[in-house]
Each structure stands twice: as structure tokens, then as C-alpha cells.
Amino acid sequence: MKKREKREKKTEAPKLSPMGKPKAPCQLVGIDGNVFSIIGHVKKALKKAGYTSDEQGRYVTDMMLCASYDEVLAKTMSDWIEPL
């Protein structure tokens, strides 16, 4: 009989934000849907995840340059946070 090879559990590399840090865990379900409320909520999550004030400011600046609500949500979800 051949030895069965142990299958290694594949662990995904941490998803990184534009700052090169792991994305901040953040739950957006159940919070106020106002775009400024979302930005503030995510900024708090970034702070809790260890992002510096400058890095948090970069997030806010990036969001203020977005052309629409949908763009803010898309960039936030894809680039900055790991949804819970």
C-alpha cells in the first residue's frame, strides 16, 4: 500500500490594503448607510487594526475623491476592509 500523502491545508495570504497592511476587519451591516457614517465607521476600524493617523487620513482622502456612493462602497470593500 502506498502512503497517503497528508494534504496540507492551504492558507491564503493575508489580503493587503493599499498601505501594505492586512485589511481591517469591519462589519458594515446594520450601520447607518450615510456615506460619511460609513467612512467614519471604517476609519475607526482602521484605527483599531493599528493603522496610523496618516494611513487613516489616506483612506478618508481616497474616499472623498470618489465620484459616487457606489464607488466609495466598492473601494472600501475591495481595498480597505475585510467584511465580517
Foldseek 3Di string as FASTA:
>chain_A
DDDDDDDDDDDDDAAAAPVRHHAFEAAPPPWDLDLVRVLVRLLVSCVVVPDDPVRSVVLVVVLVPDPDSVVNVVCCPPHHHPYD
